[in-house]
Amino acid sequence: VVCTVGEMLQLASNGRYRAAPHRVHASSLSPRMSLPFFYNPSLNACISTASQADTEEYQYNDHRFLRAYGRNAFKSLARSHPSVFAKHHPDLTLLSDGSVVFS
């Protein structure tokens, strides 16, 4: 059994639990069964720890996590589906650190 955590738990744990990159490595040698379960806060929720409650973002390596869940989810969508993002949001640009800004 593998349990991966996402960016919001990394924020809430102040980096103690690291978010796993989303990727699947399929093997033709053995069958695979996945039972994904996603639990997300409301889009307007702000995730913080006691030590960083006054900051809007959290930096991990070259990747920026946003404490507002909706903004972070939008950024993740832009990062994982760049062609869809570009088609539907031509007025926005995805920066290399994961930030989304007006063009």
C-alpha atoms as a PDB file:
ATOM      1  CA  VAL A   1       0.000   0.000   0.000  1.00  0.00           C
ATOM      2  CA  VAL A   2       1.333   3.387  -0.988  1.00  0.00           C
ATOM      3  CA  CYS A   3      -0.074   6.611   0.413  1.00  0.00           C
ATOM      4  CA  THR A   4       1.116   9.870  -1.106  1.00  0.00           C
ATOM      5  CA  VAL A   5       0.426  13.288   0.305  1.00  0.00           C
ATOM      6  CA  GLY A   6      -0.204  16.491  -1.573  1.00  0.00           C
ATOM      7  CA  GLU A   7       0.916  20.078  -1.366  1.00  0.00           C
ATOM      8  CA  MET A   8      -1.646  21.140   1.245  1.00  0.00           C
ATOM      9  CA  LEU A   9      -0.375  18.596   3.784  1.00  0.00           C
ATOM     10  CA  GLN A  10       3.175  19.733   3.038  1.00  0.00           C
ATOM     11  CA  LEU A  11       2.079  23.270   3.868  1.00  0.00           C
ATOM     12  CA  ALA A  12       0.196  22.272   7.013  1.00  0.00           C
ATOM     13  CA  SER A  13       3.119  20.159   8.279  1.00  0.00           C
ATOM     14  CA  ASN A  14       5.599  22.959   7.520  1.00  0.00           C
ATOM     15  CA  GLY A  15       7.475  20.624   5.180  1.00  0.00           C
ATOM     16  CA  ARG A  16       7.686  17.617   7.508  1.00  0.00           C
ATOM     17  CA  TYR A  17       5.594  15.571   5.054  1.00  0.00           C
ATOM     18  CA  ARG A  18       6.657  16.197   1.451  1.00  0.00           C
ATOM     19  CA  ALA A  19       4.222  16.307  -1.442  1.00  0.00           C
ATOM     20  CA  ALA A  20       4.848  13.614  -4.004  1.00  0.00           C
ATOM     21  CA  PRO A  21       5.032  14.538  -7.691  1.00  0.00           C
ATOM     22  CA  HIS A  22       2.079  13.075  -9.559  1.00  0.00           C
ATOM     23  CA  ARG A  23       3.316  10.398 -11.909  1.00  0.00           C
ATOM     24  CA  VAL A  24       2.528   6.797 -12.718  1.00  0.00           C
ATOM     25  CA  HIS A  25       5.105   4.211 -13.677  1.00  0.00           C
ATOM     26  CA  ALA A  26       3.237   1.343 -15.300  1.00  0.00           C
ATOM     27  CA  SER A  27       4.874  -2.054 -15.410  1.00  0.00           C
ATOM     28  CA  SER A  28       3.902  -4.690 -17.929  1.00  0.00           C
ATOM     29  CA  LEU A  29       5.354  -7.372 -15.657  1.00  0.00           C
ATOM     30  CA  SER A  30       2.586  -7.363 -13.084  1.00  0.00           C
ATOM     31  CA  PRO A  31      -1.001  -6.146 -12.866  1.00  0.00           C
ATOM     32  CA  ARG A  32      -1.638  -2.868 -11.141  1.00  0.00           C
ATOM     33  CA  MET A  33      -4.651  -1.711  -9.182  1.00  0.00           C
ATOM     34  CA  SER A  34      -5.079   1.913  -8.136  1.00  0.00           C
ATOM     35  CA  LEU A  35      -7.730   3.235  -5.808  1.00  0.00           C
ATOM     36  CA  PRO A  36      -7.168   7.000  -5.734  1.00  0.00           C
ATOM     37  CA  PHE A  37      -8.893   9.025  -3.083  1.00  0.00           C
ATOM     38  CA  PHE A  38      -8.614  12.782  -2.956  1.00  0.00           C
ATOM     39  CA  TYR A  39      -9.623  14.891   0.016  1.00  0.00           C
ATOM     40  CA  ASN A  40      -9.455  18.617  -0.587  1.00  0.00           C
ATOM     41  CA  PRO A  41     -10.473  21.634   1.476  1.00  0.00           C
ATOM     42  CA  SER A  42     -12.905  24.211   0.086  1.00  0.00           C
ATOM     43  CA  LEU A  43     -11.446  26.457  -2.603  1.00  0.00           C
ATOM     44  CA  ASN A  44     -11.399  29.498  -0.294  1.00  0.00           C
ATOM     45  CA  ALA A  45      -9.589  27.689   2.568  1.00  0.00           C
ATOM     46  CA  CYS A  46      -6.188  29.033   3.634  1.00  0.00           C
ATOM     47  CA  ILE A  47      -3.728  26.438   4.914  1.00  0.00           C
ATOM     48  CA  SER A  48      -1.111  27.484   7.419  1.00  0.00           C
ATOM     49  CA  THR A  49       1.031  26.363  10.314  1.00  0.00           C
ATOM     50  CA  ALA A  50       1.435  28.296  13.530  1.00  0.00           C
ATOM     51  CA  SER A  51       4.959  29.335  12.547  1.00  0.00           C
ATOM     52  CA  GLN A  52       4.031  30.647   9.079  1.00  0.00           C
ATOM     53  CA  ALA A  53       0.418  31.810   9.420  1.00  0.00           C
ATOM     54  CA  ASP A  54       1.338  35.372   8.428  1.00  0.00           C
ATOM     55  CA  THR A  55       2.842  34.505   5.027  1.00  0.00           C
ATOM     56  CA  GLU A  56       0.905  33.969   1.797  1.00  0.00           C
ATOM     57  CA  GLU A  57       3.216  31.381   0.283  1.00  0.00           C
ATOM     58  CA  TYR A  58       5.718  28.669   1.110  1.00  0.00           C
ATOM     59  CA  GLN A  59       8.790  28.004  -1.006  1.00  0.00           C
ATOM     60  CA  TYR A  60      10.206  24.513  -1.447  1.00  0.00           C
ATOM     61  CA  ASN A  61      13.261  24.322  -3.672  1.00  0.00           C
ATOM     62  CA  ASP A  62      12.243  26.228  -6.815  1.00  0.00           C
ATOM     63  CA  HIS A  63       8.527  25.549  -6.373  1.00  0.00           C
ATOM     64  CA  ARG A  64       6.084  27.910  -4.694  1.00  0.00           C
ATOM     65  CA  PHE A  65       3.086  26.596  -2.742  1.00  0.00           C
ATOM     66  CA  LEU A  66       0.246  29.052  -2.219  1.00  0.00           C
ATOM     67  CA  ARG A  67      -1.614  28.898   1.087  1.00  0.00           C
ATOM     68  CA  ALA A  68      -4.990  29.702  -0.509  1.00  0.00           C
ATOM     69  CA  TYR A  69      -6.139  26.273  -1.674  1.00  0.00           C
ATOM     70  CA  GLY A  70      -8.051  27.536  -4.735  1.00  0.00           C
ATOM     71  CA  ARG A  71      -5.044  29.508  -5.992  1.00  0.00           C
ATOM     72  CA  ASN A  72      -2.765  26.532  -5.401  1.00  0.00           C
ATOM     73  CA  ALA A  73      -5.165  24.169  -7.216  1.00  0.00           C
ATOM     74  CA  PHE A  74      -5.339  26.553 -10.195  1.00  0.00           C
ATOM     75  CA  LYS A  75      -1.545  26.766 -10.291  1.00  0.00           C
ATOM     76  CA  SER A  76      -1.293  22.967 -10.203  1.00  0.00           C
ATOM     77  CA  LEU A  77      -3.762  22.686 -13.074  1.00  0.00           C
ATOM     78  CA  ALA A  78      -1.715  25.171 -15.099  1.00  0.00           C
ATOM     79  CA  ARG A  79       1.484  23.263 -14.373  1.00  0.00           C
ATOM     80  CA  SER A  80       0.135  19.785 -15.144  1.00  0.00           C
ATOM     81  CA  HIS A  81      -1.934  20.707 -18.230  1.00  0.00           C
ATOM     82  CA  PRO A  82      -0.116  23.631 -19.911  1.00  0.00           C
ATOM     83  CA  SER A  83      -1.863  23.348 -23.292  1.00  0.00           C
ATOM     84  CA  VAL A  84      -5.338  23.395 -21.724  1.00  0.00           C
ATOM     85  CA  PHE A  85      -4.274  26.293 -19.490  1.00  0.00           C
ATOM     86  CA  ALA A  86      -2.938  28.270 -22.480  1.00  0.00           C
ATOM     87  CA  LYS A  87      -6.090  27.656 -24.516  1.00  0.00           C
ATOM     88  CA  HIS A  88      -8.540  28.742 -21.796  1.00  0.00           C
ATOM     89  CA  HIS A  89      -6.442  31.426 -20.084  1.00  0.00           C
ATOM     90  CA  PRO A  90      -4.454  33.271 -22.789  1.00  0.00           C
ATOM     91  CA  ASP A  91      -4.241  36.328 -20.498  1.00  0.00           C
ATOM     92  CA  LEU A  92      -2.237  34.399 -17.871  1.00  0.00           C
ATOM     93  CA  THR A  93       1.330  33.107 -17.765  1.00  0.00           C
ATOM     94  CA  LEU A  94       2.737  30.226 -15.751  1.00  0.00           C
ATOM     95  CA  LEU A  95       6.164  31.101 -14.305  1.00  0.00           C
ATOM     96  CA  SER A  96       8.915  28.545 -13.694  1.00  0.00           C
ATOM     97  CA  ASP A  97       8.325  28.620  -9.898  1.00  0.00           C
ATOM     98  CA  GLY A  98       4.659  27.665 -10.369  1.00  0.00           C
ATOM     99  CA  SER A  99       3.191  31.149  -9.971  1.00  0.00           C
ATOM    100  CA  VAL A 100       0.406  32.261 -12.290  1.00  0.00           C
ATOM    101  CA  VAL A 101       0.466  35.941 -13.296  1.00  0.00           C
ATOM    102  CA  PHE A 102      -1.364  38.201 -15.717  1.00  0.00           C
ATOM    103  CA  SER A 103       0.491  38.455 -19.031  1.00  0.00           C
END
